[in-house]
Amino acid sequence: YQNRKCQITKTGVKYIDYKNLYLLGRYVSRWGRIVPRYYSGNSLQNQKKVANDVKRARHMALLPFVK
């Protein structure tokens, strides 16, 4: 799927932050796992940023490790 746009850039999010729980909650499954790139439709760079920020938010106790 070469014509597929990154979902984060498509929505116009300029900065991915670990405190933006609404954005990060969209990329966490209902069991608390990080959604893979082929489901989320993110680019590789943005998927890495999302994964790191989800992990950071978990350590800061903003997101649960398991739901």
PDB file of N, CA and C in Angstrom:
ATOM      1  N   TYR A   1       0.830  -1.191   0.000  1.00  0.00           N
ATOM      2  CA  TYR A   1       0.000   0.000   0.000  1.00  0.00           C
ATOM      3  C   TYR A   1       0.874   1.255   0.000  1.00  0.00           C
ATOM      4  N   GLN A   2       1.342   1.615  -1.146  1.00  0.00           N
ATOM      5  CA  GLN A   2       2.253   2.741  -1.237  1.00  0.00           C
ATOM      6  C   GLN A   2       1.531   4.074  -1.105  1.00  0.00           C
ATOM      7  N   ASN A   3       0.283   4.153  -1.478  1.00  0.00           N
ATOM      8  CA  ASN A   3      -0.446   5.413  -1.450  1.00  0.00           C
ATOM      9  C   ASN A   3      -1.056   5.712  -0.098  1.00  0.00           C
ATOM     10  N   ARG A   4      -0.784   4.882   0.872  1.00  0.00           N
ATOM     11  CA  ARG A   4      -1.390   5.045   2.185  1.00  0.00           C
ATOM     12  C   ARG A   4      -0.702   6.154   2.967  1.00  0.00           C
ATOM     13  N   LYS A   5      -1.472   7.056   3.513  1.00  0.00           N
ATOM     14  CA  LYS A   5      -0.919   8.147   4.307  1.00  0.00           C
ATOM     15  C   LYS A   5      -0.839   7.733   5.759  1.00  0.00           C
ATOM     16  N   CYS A   6       0.105   8.304   6.457  1.00  0.00           N
ATOM     17  CA  CYS A   6       0.236   8.077   7.883  1.00  0.00           C
ATOM     18  C   CYS A   6      -0.983   8.672   8.593  1.00  0.00           C
ATOM     19  N   GLN A   7      -1.554   7.938   9.513  1.00  0.00           N
ATOM     20  CA  GLN A   7      -2.765   8.384  10.195  1.00  0.00           C
ATOM     21  C   GLN A   7      -2.509   9.593  11.083  1.00  0.00           C
ATOM     22  N   ILE A   8      -1.326   9.705  11.628  1.00  0.00           N
ATOM     23  CA  ILE A   8      -1.030  10.834  12.509  1.00  0.00           C
ATOM     24  C   ILE A   8      -0.870  12.111  11.697  1.00  0.00           C
ATOM     25  N   THR A   9      -0.157  12.039  10.582  1.00  0.00           N
ATOM     26  CA  THR A   9      -0.004  13.238   9.770  1.00  0.00           C
ATOM     27  C   THR A   9      -1.296  13.596   9.058  1.00  0.00           C
ATOM     28  N   LYS A  10      -2.140  12.606   8.797  1.00  0.00           N
ATOM     29  CA  LYS A  10      -3.422  12.873   8.146  1.00  0.00           C
ATOM     30  C   LYS A  10      -4.350  13.670   9.061  1.00  0.00           C
ATOM     31  N   THR A  11      -4.296  13.406  10.361  1.00  0.00           N
ATOM     32  CA  THR A  11      -5.151  14.128  11.295  1.00  0.00           C
ATOM     33  C   THR A  11      -4.597  15.489  11.658  1.00  0.00           C
ATOM     34  N   GLY A  12      -3.342  15.756  11.310  1.00  0.00           N
ATOM     35  CA  GLY A  12      -2.765  17.075  11.549  1.00  0.00           C
ATOM     36  C   GLY A  12      -2.134  17.251  12.908  1.00  0.00           C
ATOM     37  N   VAL A  13      -1.789  16.165  13.579  1.00  0.00           N
ATOM     38  CA  VAL A  13      -1.108  16.261  14.871  1.00  0.00           C
ATOM     39  C   VAL A  13       0.322  16.694  14.606  1.00  0.00           C
ATOM     40  N   LYS A  14       0.731  17.779  15.238  1.00  0.00           N
ATOM     41  CA  LYS A  14       2.063  18.310  14.991  1.00  0.00           C
ATOM     42  C   LYS A  14       3.108  17.729  15.931  1.00  0.00           C
ATOM     43  N   TYR A  15       2.698  17.321  17.127  1.00  0.00           N
ATOM     44  CA  TYR A  15       3.664  16.878  18.125  1.00  0.00           C
ATOM     45  C   TYR A  15       3.068  15.720  18.904  1.00  0.00           C
ATOM     46  N   ILE A  16       3.787  14.613  18.965  1.00  0.00           N
ATOM     47  CA  ILE A  16       3.345  13.449  19.730  1.00  0.00           C
ATOM     48  C   ILE A  16       3.943  13.572  21.126  1.00  0.00           C
ATOM     49  N   ASP A  17       3.086  13.555  22.142  1.00  0.00           N
ATOM     50  CA  ASP A  17       3.545  13.775  23.507  1.00  0.00           C
ATOM     51  C   ASP A  17       2.986  12.676  24.403  1.00  0.00           C
ATOM     52  N   TYR A  18       3.741  12.307  25.418  1.00  0.00           N
ATOM     53  CA  TYR A  18       3.286  11.253  26.320  1.00  0.00           C
ATOM     54  C   TYR A  18       2.136  11.715  27.204  1.00  0.00           C
ATOM     55  N   LYS A  19       1.898  13.022  27.293  1.00  0.00           N
ATOM     56  CA  LYS A  19       0.799  13.535  28.114  1.00  0.00           C
ATOM     57  C   LYS A  19      -0.515  13.607  27.348  1.00  0.00           C
ATOM     58  N   ASN A  20      -0.476  13.402  26.039  1.00  0.00           N
ATOM     59  CA  ASN A  20      -1.685  13.422  25.222  1.00  0.00           C
ATOM     60  C   ASN A  20      -2.315  12.031  25.260  1.00  0.00           C
ATOM     61  N   LEU A  21      -3.091  11.769  26.284  1.00  0.00           N
ATOM     62  CA  LEU A  21      -3.638  10.429  26.498  1.00  0.00           C
ATOM     63  C   LEU A  21      -4.726  10.076  25.500  1.00  0.00           C
ATOM     64  N   TYR A  22      -5.395  11.067  24.958  1.00  0.00           N
ATOM     65  CA  TYR A  22      -6.411  10.785  23.945  1.00  0.00           C
ATOM     66  C   TYR A  22      -5.758  10.204  22.693  1.00  0.00           C
ATOM     67  N   LEU A  23      -4.662  10.791  22.271  1.00  0.00           N
ATOM     68  CA  LEU A  23      -3.957  10.289  21.093  1.00  0.00           C
ATOM     69  C   LEU A  23      -3.353   8.918  21.359  1.00  0.00           C
ATOM     70  N   LEU A  24      -2.710   8.754  22.501  1.00  0.00           N
ATOM     71  CA  LEU A  24      -2.070   7.476  22.803  1.00  0.00           C
ATOM     72  C   LEU A  24      -3.090   6.366  23.035  1.00  0.00           C
ATOM     73  N   GLY A  25      -4.251   6.724  23.553  1.00  0.00           N
ATOM     74  CA  GLY A  25      -5.288   5.726  23.789  1.00  0.00           C
ATOM     75  C   GLY A  25      -5.823   5.112  22.515  1.00  0.00           C
ATOM     76  N   ARG A  26      -5.690   5.823  21.413  1.00  0.00           N
ATOM     77  CA  ARG A  26      -6.128   5.282  20.125  1.00  0.00           C
ATOM     78  C   ARG A  26      -5.184   4.207  19.610  1.00  0.00           C
ATOM     79  N   TYR A  27      -3.948   4.187  20.100  1.00  0.00           N
ATOM     80  CA  TYR A  27      -2.963   3.226  19.639  1.00  0.00           C
ATOM     81  C   TYR A  27      -2.637   2.174  20.676  1.00  0.00           C
ATOM     82  N   VAL A  28      -3.543   1.986  21.636  1.00  0.00           N
ATOM     83  CA  VAL A  28      -3.437   0.921  22.632  1.00  0.00           C
ATOM     84  C   VAL A  28      -4.691   0.079  22.511  1.00  0.00           C
ATOM     85  N   SER A  29      -4.537  -1.239  22.431  1.00  0.00           N
ATOM     86  CA  SER A  29      -5.689  -2.117  22.290  1.00  0.00           C
ATOM     87  C   SER A  29      -6.479  -2.179  23.591  1.00  0.00           C
ATOM     88  N   ARG A  30      -7.584  -2.846  23.556  1.00  0.00           N
ATOM     89  CA  ARG A  30      -8.406  -2.919  24.772  1.00  0.00           C
ATOM     90  C   ARG A  30      -7.778  -3.801  25.841  1.00  0.00           C
ATOM     91  N   TRP A  31      -6.741  -4.558  25.472  1.00  0.00           N
ATOM     92  CA  TRP A  31      -6.018  -5.352  26.459  1.00  0.00           C
ATOM     93  C   TRP A  31      -4.762  -4.647  26.936  1.00  0.00           C
ATOM     94  N   GLY A  32      -4.515  -3.437  26.433  1.00  0.00           N
ATOM     95  CA  GLY A  32      -3.387  -2.653  26.887  1.00  0.00           C
ATOM     96  C   GLY A  32      -2.124  -2.824  26.073  1.00  0.00           C
ATOM     97  N   ARG A  33      -2.209  -3.496  24.946  1.00  0.00           N
ATOM     98  CA  ARG A  33      -1.027  -3.708  24.108  1.00  0.00           C
ATOM     99  C   ARG A  33      -0.946  -2.617  23.048  1.00  0.00           C
ATOM    100  N   ILE A  34       0.250  -2.297  22.626  1.00  0.00           N
ATOM    101  CA  ILE A  34       0.450  -1.287  21.591  1.00  0.00           C
ATOM    102  C   ILE A  34       0.024  -1.878  20.247  1.00  0.00           C
ATOM    103  N   VAL A  35      -0.801  -1.141  19.519  1.00  0.00           N
ATOM    104  CA  VAL A  35      -1.318  -1.611  18.242  1.00  0.00           C
ATOM    105  C   VAL A  35      -0.184  -1.600  17.218  1.00  0.00           C
ATOM    106  N   PRO A  36      -0.013  -2.685  16.448  1.00  0.00           N
ATOM    107  CA  PRO A  36       1.073  -2.717  15.475  1.00  0.00           C
ATOM    108  C   PRO A  36       0.860  -1.747  14.319  1.00  0.00           C
ATOM    109  N   ARG A  37       1.914  -1.525  13.611  1.00  0.00           N
ATOM    110  CA  ARG A  37       1.923  -0.522  12.562  1.00  0.00           C
ATOM    111  C   ARG A  37       0.983  -0.874  11.408  1.00  0.00           C
ATOM    112  N   TYR A  38       0.858  -2.152  11.080  1.00  0.00           N
ATOM    113  CA  TYR A  38       0.010  -2.528   9.957  1.00  0.00           C
ATOM    114  C   TYR A  38      -1.475  -2.397  10.291  1.00  0.00           C
ATOM    115  N   TYR A  39      -1.844  -2.300  11.567  1.00  0.00           N
ATOM    116  CA  TYR A  39      -3.230  -2.002  11.943  1.00  0.00           C
ATOM    117  C   TYR A  39      -3.467  -0.500  12.065  1.00  0.00           C
ATOM    118  N   SER A  40      -2.498   0.195  12.645  1.00  0.00           N
ATOM    119  CA  SER A  40      -2.701   1.608  12.905  1.00  0.00           C
ATOM    120  C   SER A  40      -2.533   2.461  11.657  1.00  0.00           C
ATOM    121  N   GLY A  41      -1.689   2.033  10.719  1.00  0.00           N
ATOM    122  CA  GLY A  41      -1.477   2.798   9.501  1.00  0.00           C
ATOM    123  C   GLY A  41      -0.499   3.940   9.669  1.00  0.00           C
ATOM    124  N   ASN A  42       0.330   3.901  10.696  1.00  0.00           N
ATOM    125  CA  ASN A  42       1.309   4.958  10.926  1.00  0.00           C
ATOM    126  C   ASN A  42       2.568   4.711  10.109  1.00  0.00           C
ATOM    127  N   SER A  43       3.311   5.780   9.886  1.00  0.00           N
ATOM    128  CA  SER A  43       4.632   5.621   9.287  1.00  0.00           C
ATOM    129  C   SER A  43       5.569   5.044  10.341  1.00  0.00           C
ATOM    130  N   LEU A  44       6.724   4.600   9.901  1.00  0.00           N
ATOM    131  CA  LEU A  44       7.670   3.969  10.817  1.00  0.00           C
ATOM    132  C   LEU A  44       8.149   4.959  11.878  1.00  0.00           C
ATOM    133  N   GLN A  45       8.437   6.182  11.475  1.00  0.00           N
ATOM    134  CA  GLN A  45       8.919   7.192  12.421  1.00  0.00           C
ATOM    135  C   GLN A  45       7.868   7.508  13.472  1.00  0.00           C
ATOM    136  N   ASN A  46       6.628   7.714  13.034  1.00  0.00           N
ATOM    137  CA  ASN A  46       5.575   8.056  13.989  1.00  0.00           C
ATOM    138  C   ASN A  46       5.193   6.872  14.858  1.00  0.00           C
ATOM    139  N   GLN A  47       5.279   5.651  14.325  1.00  0.00           N
ATOM    140  CA  GLN A  47       4.965   4.479  15.136  1.00  0.00           C
ATOM    141  C   GLN A  47       5.993   4.316  16.257  1.00  0.00           C
ATOM    142  N   LYS A  48       7.263   4.601  15.970  1.00  0.00           N
ATOM    143  CA  LYS A  48       8.293   4.525  17.004  1.00  0.00           C
ATOM    144  C   LYS A  48       8.068   5.583  18.074  1.00  0.00           C
ATOM    145  N   LYS A  49       7.665   6.782  17.649  1.00  0.00           N
ATOM    146  CA  LYS A  49       7.384   7.843  18.618  1.00  0.00           C
ATOM    147  C   LYS A  49       6.194   7.481  19.492  1.00  0.00           C
ATOM    148  N   VAL A  50       5.154   6.920  18.885  1.00  0.00           N
ATOM    149  CA  VAL A  50       3.969   6.521  19.648  1.00  0.00           C
ATOM    150  C   VAL A  50       4.326   5.424  20.637  1.00  0.00           C
ATOM    151  N   ALA A  51       5.097   4.429  20.192  1.00  0.00           N
ATOM    152  CA  ALA A  51       5.471   3.319  21.072  1.00  0.00           C
ATOM    153  C   ALA A  51       6.297   3.813  22.253  1.00  0.00           C
ATOM    154  N   ASN A  52       7.255   4.698  21.996  1.00  0.00           N
ATOM    155  CA  ASN A  52       8.069   5.224  23.087  1.00  0.00           C
ATOM    156  C   ASN A  52       7.239   6.068  24.051  1.00  0.00           C
ATOM    157  N   ASP A  53       6.305   6.845  23.525  1.00  0.00           N
ATOM    158  CA  ASP A  53       5.480   7.678  24.393  1.00  0.00           C
ATOM    159  C   ASP A  53       4.468   6.856  25.184  1.00  0.00           C
ATOM    160  N   VAL A  54       3.988   5.758  24.619  1.00  0.00           N
ATOM    161  CA  VAL A  54       3.102   4.873  25.381  1.00  0.00           C
ATOM    162  C   VAL A  54       3.880   4.251  26.538  1.00  0.00           C
ATOM    163  N   LYS A  55       5.098   3.815  26.259  1.00  0.00           N
ATOM    164  CA  LYS A  55       5.925   3.232  27.313  1.00  0.00           C
ATOM    165  C   LYS A  55       6.252   4.256  28.393  1.00  0.00           C
ATOM    166  N   ARG A  56       6.522   5.480  27.962  1.00  0.00           N
ATOM    167  CA  ARG A  56       6.826   6.537  28.928  1.00  0.00           C
ATOM    168  C   ARG A  56       5.602   6.864  29.777  1.00  0.00           C
ATOM    169  N   ALA A  57       4.433   6.915  29.151  1.00  0.00           N
ATOM    170  CA  ALA A  57       3.204   7.207  29.894  1.00  0.00           C
ATOM    171  C   ALA A  57       2.873   6.080  30.869  1.00  0.00           C
ATOM    172  N   ARG A  58       3.217   4.851  30.520  1.00  0.00           N
ATOM    173  CA  ARG A  58       3.009   3.744  31.445  1.00  0.00           C
ATOM    174  C   ARG A  58       3.895   3.878  32.674  1.00  0.00           C
ATOM    175  N   HIS A  59       5.139   4.252  32.464  1.00  0.00           N
ATOM    176  CA  HIS A  59       6.052   4.403  33.599  1.00  0.00           C
ATOM    177  C   HIS A  59       5.692   5.602  34.464  1.00  0.00           C
ATOM    178  N   MET A  60       5.062   6.598  33.875  1.00  0.00           N
ATOM    179  CA  MET A  60       4.621   7.761  34.641  1.00  0.00           C
ATOM    180  C   MET A  60       3.250   7.526  35.279  1.00  0.00           C
ATOM    181  N   ALA A  61       2.703   6.328  35.110  1.00  0.00           N
ATOM    182  CA  ALA A  61       1.408   5.913  35.666  1.00  0.00           C
ATOM    183  C   ALA A  61       0.254   6.717  35.073  1.00  0.00           C
ATOM    184  N   LEU A  62       0.386   7.129  33.809  1.00  0.00           N
ATOM    185  CA  LEU A  62      -0.721   7.791  33.124  1.00  0.00           C
ATOM    186  C   LEU A  62      -1.565   6.787  32.343  1.00  0.00           C
ATOM    187  N   LEU A  63      -0.938   5.708  31.881  1.00  0.00           N
ATOM    188  CA  LEU A  63      -1.633   4.630  31.194  1.00  0.00           C
ATOM    189  C   LEU A  63      -1.375   3.334  31.964  1.00  0.00           C
ATOM    190  N   PRO A  64      -2.346   2.439  32.005  1.00  0.00           N
ATOM    191  CA  PRO A  64      -2.106   1.166  32.682  1.00  0.00           C
ATOM    192  C   PRO A  64      -1.278   0.218  31.805  1.00  0.00           C
ATOM    193  N   PHE A  65      -0.532  -0.674  32.429  1.00  0.00           N
ATOM    194  CA  PHE A  65       0.200  -1.678  31.692  1.00  0.00           C
ATOM    195  C   PHE A  65      -0.760  -2.722  31.128  1.00  0.00           C
ATOM    196  N   VAL A  66      -1.761  -3.096  31.907  1.00  0.00           N
ATOM    197  CA  VAL A  66      -2.747  -4.102  31.514  1.00  0.00           C
ATOM    198  C   VAL A  66      -4.116  -3.569  31.881  1.00  0.00           C
ATOM    199  N   LYS A  67      -5.078  -3.774  31.006  1.00  0.00           N
ATOM    200  CA  LYS A  67      -6.448  -3.307  31.315  1.00  0.00           C
ATOM    201  C   LYS A  67      -7.274  -4.424  31.881  1.00  0.00           C
TER     202      LYS A  67
END
